[in-house]
Protein backbone atom coordinates (compact mmCIF):
# COMPACT_ATOMS: atom_id res chain seq x y z
CA MET A 1 3.44 -30.14 -13.77
CA ALA A 2 6.88 -28.46 -14.52
CA ALA A 3 8.96 -31.04 -12.86
CA GLU A 4 7.04 -33.84 -14.94
CA ASN A 5 7.90 -31.98 -18.09
CA MET A 6 11.43 -31.99 -17.30
CA ASN A 7 11.67 -35.80 -17.65
CA LYS A 8 9.89 -35.52 -21.15
CA GLU A 9 11.56 -35.65 -24.48
CA VAL A 10 13.37 -32.61 -25.56
CA VAL A 11 11.95 -31.39 -28.93
CA LEU A 12 13.99 -28.29 -29.33
CA SER A 13 17.33 -27.47 -28.01
CA VAL A 14 18.96 -23.94 -28.29
CA LYS A 15 22.71 -23.85 -27.33
CA ASP A 16 24.83 -20.73 -27.00
CA LEU A 17 22.93 -18.75 -29.64
CA ARG A 18 24.37 -15.45 -30.52
CA ILE A 19 22.60 -13.12 -33.04
CA ASN A 20 24.11 -9.95 -34.17
CA PHE A 21 22.65 -7.05 -36.46
CA ARG A 22 24.52 -4.90 -38.93
CA ALA A 23 23.42 -1.26 -38.17
CA TYR A 24 24.83 2.11 -39.44
CA GLY A 25 26.31 2.64 -35.95
CA GLY A 26 28.07 -0.79 -35.75
CA LEU A 27 27.13 -4.41 -34.79
CA VAL A 28 23.98 -4.71 -32.52
CA GLN A 29 24.57 -7.68 -30.24
CA ALA A 30 20.79 -8.73 -29.91
CA VAL A 31 21.09 -12.25 -28.60
CA ARG A 32 24.35 -13.10 -26.46
CA GLY A 33 24.55 -16.75 -25.97
CA ILE A 34 21.27 -18.15 -24.80
CA SER A 35 20.60 -21.82 -24.20
CA PHE A 36 17.40 -23.59 -23.39
CA ASP A 37 15.41 -26.66 -23.98
CA LEU A 38 11.78 -27.14 -24.95
CA HIS A 39 10.15 -30.42 -23.72
CA ARG A 40 7.29 -32.20 -25.31
CA GLY A 41 3.90 -30.96 -23.90
CA GLU A 42 5.11 -28.01 -22.15
CA THR A 43 4.76 -24.20 -22.27
CA LEU A 44 8.01 -22.28 -21.96
CA ALA A 45 7.46 -18.56 -21.47
CA ILE A 46 10.17 -16.13 -22.42
CA VAL A 47 9.72 -12.95 -20.80
CA GLY A 48 11.46 -9.48 -21.11
CA GLU A 49 11.12 -5.84 -22.18
CA SER A 50 11.07 -4.74 -25.76
CA GLY A 51 14.75 -5.10 -27.04
CA SER A 52 15.53 -7.95 -24.69
CA GLY A 53 16.24 -10.44 -27.56
CA LYS A 54 13.19 -12.79 -27.01
CA SER A 55 11.56 -12.08 -30.41
CA VAL A 56 14.67 -12.19 -32.25
CA SER A 57 15.34 -15.66 -30.76
CA ILE A 58 12.22 -17.28 -32.10
CA ARG A 59 12.51 -15.52 -35.29
CA ALA A 60 15.95 -17.49 -35.53
CA ILE A 61 13.96 -20.70 -34.71
CA MET A 62 11.46 -20.03 -37.72
CA GLY A 63 14.18 -18.92 -40.20
CA ILE A 64 12.62 -15.45 -40.70
CA LEU A 65 15.42 -13.20 -39.30
CA ALA A 66 15.88 -9.83 -41.19
CA ASN A 67 18.57 -9.66 -43.98
CA ASN A 68 21.02 -7.72 -41.85
CA ALA A 69 21.08 -10.49 -39.09
CA ILE A 70 24.01 -12.64 -38.49
CA ILE A 71 23.84 -15.84 -36.56
CA ALA A 72 27.45 -15.56 -35.21
CA GLU A 73 27.46 -18.83 -33.10
CA GLY A 74 25.43 -21.48 -31.55
CA SER A 75 22.80 -24.12 -32.65
CA ILE A 76 19.10 -24.70 -32.69
CA MET A 77 18.52 -28.44 -32.79
CA TYR A 78 15.20 -29.91 -33.99
CA ASP A 79 14.56 -33.51 -35.08
CA GLY A 80 18.22 -33.99 -35.54
CA MET A 81 18.70 -30.89 -37.65
CA ASP A 82 20.51 -27.60 -36.76
CA LEU A 83 18.02 -24.90 -37.95
CA THR A 84 20.70 -22.27 -38.15
CA LYS A 85 22.24 -24.37 -41.13
CA LEU A 86 19.08 -24.71 -43.14
CA THR A 87 18.51 -23.17 -46.53
CA GLU A 88 15.35 -21.29 -47.36
CA ASP A 89 13.86 -24.14 -49.37
CA GLN A 90 14.58 -26.47 -46.37
CA PHE A 91 12.73 -24.23 -44.02
CA HIS A 92 9.55 -24.55 -46.06
CA GLU A 93 9.35 -28.17 -44.86
CA ILE A 94 9.45 -26.81 -41.33
CA ARG A 95 8.01 -23.36 -41.04
CA GLY A 96 4.18 -23.46 -40.76
CA ASN A 97 4.20 -27.29 -41.14
CA ARG A 98 6.00 -28.51 -38.06
CA ILE A 99 6.60 -25.37 -36.29
CA GLY A 100 3.56 -23.06 -36.10
CA LEU A 101 3.73 -19.28 -35.31
CA ILE A 102 0.97 -16.94 -33.92
CA PHE A 103 2.01 -13.38 -34.63
CA GLN A 104 1.39 -10.35 -32.39
CA ASP A 105 -0.89 -8.29 -34.48
CA PRO A 106 -3.68 -10.36 -36.34
CA LEU A 107 -4.65 -7.57 -38.63
CA SER A 108 -1.16 -7.23 -40.26
CA ALA A 109 -0.65 -11.10 -40.18
CA LEU A 110 -3.85 -11.59 -42.41
CA ASN A 111 -4.31 -10.52 -46.02
CA PRO A 112 -6.95 -7.72 -45.92
CA ILE A 113 -8.09 -8.39 -49.48
CA MET A 114 -8.45 -12.15 -49.20
CA LYS A 115 -11.28 -14.08 -47.73
CA ILE A 116 -10.58 -15.75 -44.40
CA GLY A 117 -11.45 -19.25 -45.75
CA ASN A 118 -8.98 -19.06 -48.61
CA GLN A 119 -6.31 -17.93 -46.17
CA ILE A 120 -6.69 -21.10 -44.15
CA THR A 121 -7.17 -23.48 -47.05
CA GLU A 122 -3.98 -21.96 -48.65
CA SER A 123 -2.03 -23.10 -45.72
CA LEU A 124 -3.45 -26.49 -45.73
CA ARG A 125 -2.88 -27.00 -49.40
CA LEU A 126 0.82 -25.75 -49.19
CA ASN A 127 1.70 -27.57 -45.93
CA ARG A 128 -0.40 -30.69 -46.18
CA HIS A 129 -0.99 -30.91 -50.00
CA MET A 130 -4.73 -31.13 -49.73
CA LYS A 131 -7.28 -30.89 -52.51
CA LYS A 132 -9.61 -27.81 -52.60
CA ASP A 133 -12.68 -29.63 -51.27
CA GLU A 134 -10.78 -31.31 -48.53
CA ALA A 135 -8.95 -28.10 -47.52
CA LYS A 136 -12.24 -26.38 -47.16
CA LYS A 137 -13.71 -29.26 -45.06
CA VAL A 138 -10.65 -29.11 -42.63
CA ALA A 139 -10.58 -25.29 -42.70
CA LEU A 140 -14.18 -25.31 -41.46
CA GLU A 141 -13.26 -27.80 -38.67
CA LEU A 142 -10.24 -25.69 -37.77
CA MET A 143 -12.65 -22.61 -37.48
CA LYS A 144 -15.01 -24.33 -35.33
CA SER A 145 -12.25 -25.69 -33.13
CA VAL A 146 -10.82 -22.28 -32.49
CA GLY A 147 -14.31 -21.05 -31.57
CA ILE A 148 -15.43 -19.22 -34.47
CA PRO A 149 -19.42 -19.37 -34.66
CA HIS A 150 -21.25 -19.88 -37.97
CA ALA A 151 -17.92 -21.00 -39.61
CA GLU A 152 -19.69 -21.83 -42.86
CA LYS A 153 -21.07 -18.25 -43.27
CA ARG A 154 -17.89 -16.54 -42.14
CA PHE A 155 -15.58 -18.63 -44.52
CA ASP A 156 -16.29 -16.15 -47.24
CA GLN A 157 -15.76 -12.95 -45.09
CA TYR A 158 -12.90 -10.67 -44.93
CA PRO A 159 -10.55 -9.81 -41.97
CA PHE A 160 -12.27 -6.34 -41.45
CA GLN A 161 -15.47 -8.05 -40.83
CA PHE A 162 -14.10 -9.83 -37.79
CA SER A 163 -13.36 -8.26 -34.18
CA GLY A 164 -9.65 -8.28 -32.98
CA GLY A 165 -10.22 -11.50 -30.85
CA MET A 166 -11.90 -13.29 -33.61
CA ARG A 167 -9.07 -12.41 -36.15
CA GLN A 168 -6.58 -13.68 -33.74
CA ARG A 169 -8.58 -17.00 -33.66
CA ILE A 170 -8.24 -17.09 -37.28
CA VAL A 171 -4.47 -16.63 -37.04
CA ILE A 172 -4.36 -19.49 -34.58
CA ALA A 173 -6.30 -21.65 -37.14
CA ILE A 174 -3.82 -20.91 -39.56
CA ALA A 175 -0.93 -21.58 -37.36
CA LEU A 176 -2.57 -25.00 -36.71
CA ALA A 177 -3.35 -25.71 -40.36
CA GLY A 178 0.14 -27.54 -40.84
CA ASP A 179 -0.54 -29.74 -37.84
CA PRO A 180 2.70 -28.56 -36.04
CA GLU A 181 4.22 -30.21 -32.85
CA ILE A 182 5.67 -26.74 -31.66
CA LEU A 183 3.58 -23.57 -31.42
CA ILE A 184 5.40 -20.31 -31.09
CA CYS A 185 3.24 -17.37 -29.64
CA ASP A 186 4.89 -14.03 -30.25
CA GLU A 187 2.98 -11.76 -27.81
CA PRO A 188 -0.42 -12.94 -29.28
CA THR A 189 -2.51 -10.76 -26.91
CA THR A 190 -0.97 -7.53 -26.86
CA ALA A 191 -3.32 -5.77 -29.08
CA LEU A 192 -6.53 -7.15 -27.49
CA ASP A 193 -8.38 -5.98 -24.39
CA VAL A 194 -8.11 -7.84 -21.13
CA THR A 195 -11.39 -9.94 -21.48
CA VAL A 196 -10.54 -11.15 -25.05
CA GLN A 197 -7.00 -11.59 -23.85
CA ALA A 198 -8.00 -14.10 -21.30
CA LYS A 199 -10.16 -15.98 -23.80
CA ILE A 200 -7.17 -16.19 -26.32
CA LEU A 201 -4.96 -17.40 -23.61
CA GLU A 202 -7.61 -20.17 -22.47
CA LEU A 203 -8.01 -21.28 -26.19
CA ILE A 204 -4.09 -21.63 -26.50
CA ASN A 205 -3.91 -23.68 -23.48
CA GLN A 206 -6.73 -25.89 -24.39
CA ILE A 207 -5.26 -26.37 -27.88
CA LYS A 208 -1.95 -27.21 -26.29
CA LYS A 209 -3.50 -29.99 -24.20
CA GLU A 210 -5.74 -31.59 -26.97
CA ARG A 211 -2.72 -31.73 -29.43
CA ASN A 212 -0.12 -32.30 -26.94
CA LEU A 213 1.77 -29.27 -28.36
CA SER A 214 5.02 -27.84 -27.18
CA VAL A 215 4.55 -23.95 -26.72
CA ILE A 216 7.07 -21.27 -26.64
CA PHE A 217 5.30 -18.11 -25.30
CA ILE A 218 6.85 -14.70 -25.95
CA THR A 219 5.71 -11.96 -23.85
CA HIS A 220 6.75 -8.59 -21.96
CA ASP A 221 4.24 -9.23 -19.38
CA LEU A 222 4.82 -11.91 -16.59
CA GLY A 223 1.26 -11.66 -15.66
CA VAL A 224 -0.09 -12.89 -18.95
CA VAL A 225 1.75 -16.28 -18.48
CA ALA A 226 0.92 -16.74 -14.84
CA ASN A 227 -1.40 -19.69 -15.48
CA MET A 228 -0.02 -20.93 -18.72
CA ALA A 229 3.75 -21.39 -18.26
CA ASP A 230 5.39 -24.72 -16.92
CA ARG A 231 8.75 -23.04 -17.18
CA VAL A 232 9.83 -19.30 -17.48
CA ASN A 233 13.02 -17.71 -18.96
CA VAL A 234 13.58 -14.10 -18.05
CA MET A 235 15.60 -12.33 -20.58
CA TYR A 236 17.54 -9.00 -20.51
CA ALA A 237 20.00 -7.40 -22.90
CA GLY A 238 20.31 -10.33 -25.14
CA LYS A 239 20.77 -13.00 -22.25
CA VAL A 240 18.61 -15.35 -20.06
CA VAL A 241 19.18 -13.79 -16.45
CA GLU A 242 16.82 -16.12 -14.69
CA THR A 243 15.23 -19.49 -15.65
CA GLY A 244 13.02 -21.61 -13.37
CA THR A 245 9.43 -23.22 -13.08
CA ALA A 246 6.66 -20.76 -13.17
CA GLU A 247 6.35 -21.51 -9.34
CA GLU A 248 9.97 -20.62 -8.80
CA ILE A 249 9.73 -17.33 -10.69
CA PHE A 250 6.60 -16.19 -9.32
CA PHE A 251 7.07 -17.24 -5.72
CA GLU A 252 10.90 -17.17 -5.39
CA PRO A 253 12.25 -14.89 -7.89
CA ALA A 254 16.11 -14.29 -7.33
CA HIS A 255 17.02 -11.61 -9.89
CA PRO A 256 16.49 -8.02 -9.28
CA TYR A 257 15.18 -7.61 -12.86
CA THR A 258 12.70 -10.31 -12.19
CA TRP A 259 11.81 -8.66 -8.84
CA ALA A 260 11.28 -5.30 -11.24
CA LEU A 261 8.98 -7.07 -13.60
CA LEU A 262 6.92 -8.52 -10.92
CA ASN A 263 6.72 -5.28 -9.15
CA SER A 264 5.39 -3.57 -12.35
CA MET A 265 2.53 -6.16 -12.78
CA PRO A 266 -0.76 -4.79 -11.54
CA ASP A 267 -3.06 -7.16 -9.20
CA LEU A 268 -6.43 -6.63 -7.72
CA HIS A 269 -4.78 -5.18 -4.57
CA THR A 270 -2.90 -2.42 -6.59
CA LYS A 271 -4.01 0.87 -5.16
CA ASP A 272 -0.72 3.10 -5.59
CA ARG A 273 0.88 3.89 -8.83
CA LEU A 274 2.94 0.85 -10.15
CA GLU A 275 6.62 0.91 -9.87
CA ALA A 276 8.13 1.50 -13.25
CA ILE A 277 11.81 0.08 -13.98
CA PRO A 278 14.05 3.14 -13.90
CA GLY A 279 16.38 4.01 -16.97
CA THR A 280 16.37 2.39 -20.05
CA PRO A 281 17.92 -0.80 -21.54
CA PRO A 282 21.47 -0.58 -22.67
CA ASN A 283 22.91 0.35 -26.01
CA MET A 284 23.41 -3.12 -27.55
CA ILE A 285 26.10 -2.02 -29.95
CA TYR A 286 28.37 -1.09 -26.87
CA PRO A 287 26.96 -3.71 -24.27
CA PRO A 288 28.09 -2.48 -20.65
CA LYS A 289 30.92 -4.21 -18.98
CA GLY A 290 29.62 -6.34 -16.06
CA ASP A 291 25.97 -7.03 -15.39
CA ALA A 292 23.95 -5.22 -18.15
CA PHE A 293 21.22 -4.46 -15.47
CA ALA A 294 23.45 -2.80 -12.99
CA ALA A 295 22.76 0.66 -14.07
CA ARG A 296 19.04 0.25 -13.56
CA ASN A 297 19.40 -1.87 -10.33
CA ALA A 298 19.03 -0.33 -7.06
CA TYR A 299 20.82 -3.46 -5.36
CA ALA A 300 23.88 -3.34 -7.75
CA MET A 301 27.24 -3.72 -6.11
CA LYS A 302 30.64 -2.65 -7.29
CA ILE A 303 31.31 -6.06 -8.82
CA ASP A 304 28.12 -5.53 -10.84
CA TYR A 305 29.90 -2.85 -12.93
CA GLU A 306 33.11 -4.78 -13.36
CA MET A 307 32.33 -8.51 -13.99
CA GLU A 308 29.39 -10.36 -15.60
CA PRO A 309 27.75 -12.59 -13.21
CA PRO A 310 27.72 -16.41 -14.01
CA MET A 311 24.57 -18.30 -13.54
CA PHE A 312 24.15 -19.35 -10.02
CA LYS A 313 22.17 -22.69 -9.33
CA ILE A 314 19.37 -22.29 -6.87
CA THR A 315 17.55 -25.61 -7.21
CA ASP A 316 17.73 -28.15 -10.09
CA THR A 317 15.23 -26.32 -12.08
CA HIS A 318 16.01 -22.72 -11.01
CA ALA A 319 19.12 -20.55 -11.53
CA ALA A 320 19.80 -16.78 -11.94
CA ALA A 321 22.71 -14.55 -12.95
CA THR A 322 23.16 -12.29 -10.20
CA TRP A 323 26.00 -11.63 -7.81
CA LEU A 324 23.48 -11.42 -5.00
CA LEU A 325 23.49 -15.09 -4.98
CA HIS A 326 27.36 -15.37 -4.25
CA PRO A 327 27.95 -16.47 -0.85
CA LYS A 328 30.00 -13.36 0.02
CA ALA A 329 26.99 -11.19 -1.06
CA ALA A 330 24.48 -13.29 0.75
CA LYS A 331 25.98 -12.13 3.99
CA ASN A 332 25.00 -8.65 3.44
CA GLY A 333 21.36 -9.85 3.84
CA ILE A 334 20.15 -7.96 0.64
CA GLU A 335 16.51 -9.41 0.06
CA MET A 336 13.63 -8.63 -2.27
CA PRO A 337 11.48 -5.67 -1.76
CA ALA A 338 8.98 -5.70 1.12
CA GLY A 339 6.25 -4.80 -1.16
CA LEU A 340 7.06 -7.70 -3.59
CA LYS A 341 7.15 -10.07 -0.69
CA ALA A 342 3.61 -8.91 0.45
CA ARG A 343 2.35 -9.33 -3.13
CA ILE A 344 3.82 -12.87 -3.53
CA GLU A 345 2.14 -13.90 -0.10
CA ARG A 346 -1.09 -12.54 -1.63
CA MET A 347 -0.59 -14.50 -4.79
CA LYS A 348 0.11 -17.75 -2.88
CA ARG A 349 -3.03 -17.23 -0.68
CA SER A 350 -5.19 -16.75 -3.76
CA GLY A 351 -4.00 -19.89 -5.32
CA ALA A 352 -2.26 -18.23 -8.11
CA LEU A 353 -0.64 -20.49 -10.71
CA ASN A 354 -3.17 -23.30 -9.86
CA GLY A 355 -4.79 -22.87 -13.45
């Protein structure tokens, strides 16, 4: 599936995006030159710990960066427009209308004193200029399409009368109200328990296929996107450190940070305590010299502390920024941890990533 998507039309193209934040201690370099394309009908997952720059990147796409943010360099091309150059008024035509966003916390995303139906119809009337009766009819259809039972009755209820999973379905309905072609999901299942999480992921997948949407899925957990993503970008310290198809990232990971993320992911065979990634992410006011992950990397070499690694091409779709892929380093025979190798073999045997 991923290979097919690579041949499809590019609907969004991010090139060398750099975003800084003014802070009391100096300039925080949150995003440091990321580039990626989103193809029509595909799901691109952007994965990384908190502070890696993934959510900042999508906020730039939506035009909702904080007031202290500076887009220092780069472009975000969509339908012939550079989104980094648009005014707030120009963004109104795109945000919610052509690019939809599902927020992380449905409770804070919804107005607690406004009826659910009114929140959906407000989006329809604003984005699609519908009259009140037409908006209500479409809102009820949207509620039913995202799996809210007894939509007519629940139309006049308030957010507190819904469970966490049902609130997230309402947020999805609002995101779809503008009939977008791109849907951005910013950790949409973090606040939900595992069973509800699986249902929401299934719903997003179903909606993507029905509407031929292009999806950007932001998460800190690789396991969440195992059966959703066509391609995966792994971010660390404001950079994409590994990119590839879902199969390449899960079955043939090349960057030690990706190894660490996969190793910290529980599976049905997990018996011992999970391996946490040691240390903490670097201070991005003063990014470290060399590879930003070096201080936390058990496989770091001397060069990792001195020079930043380039992206080494592995296949036409797979690349990673690690000196371990340099021909000289490869002679040392450093390989991924044995425990991770065993886990990957189990994933292959269980048919993981087959949807």
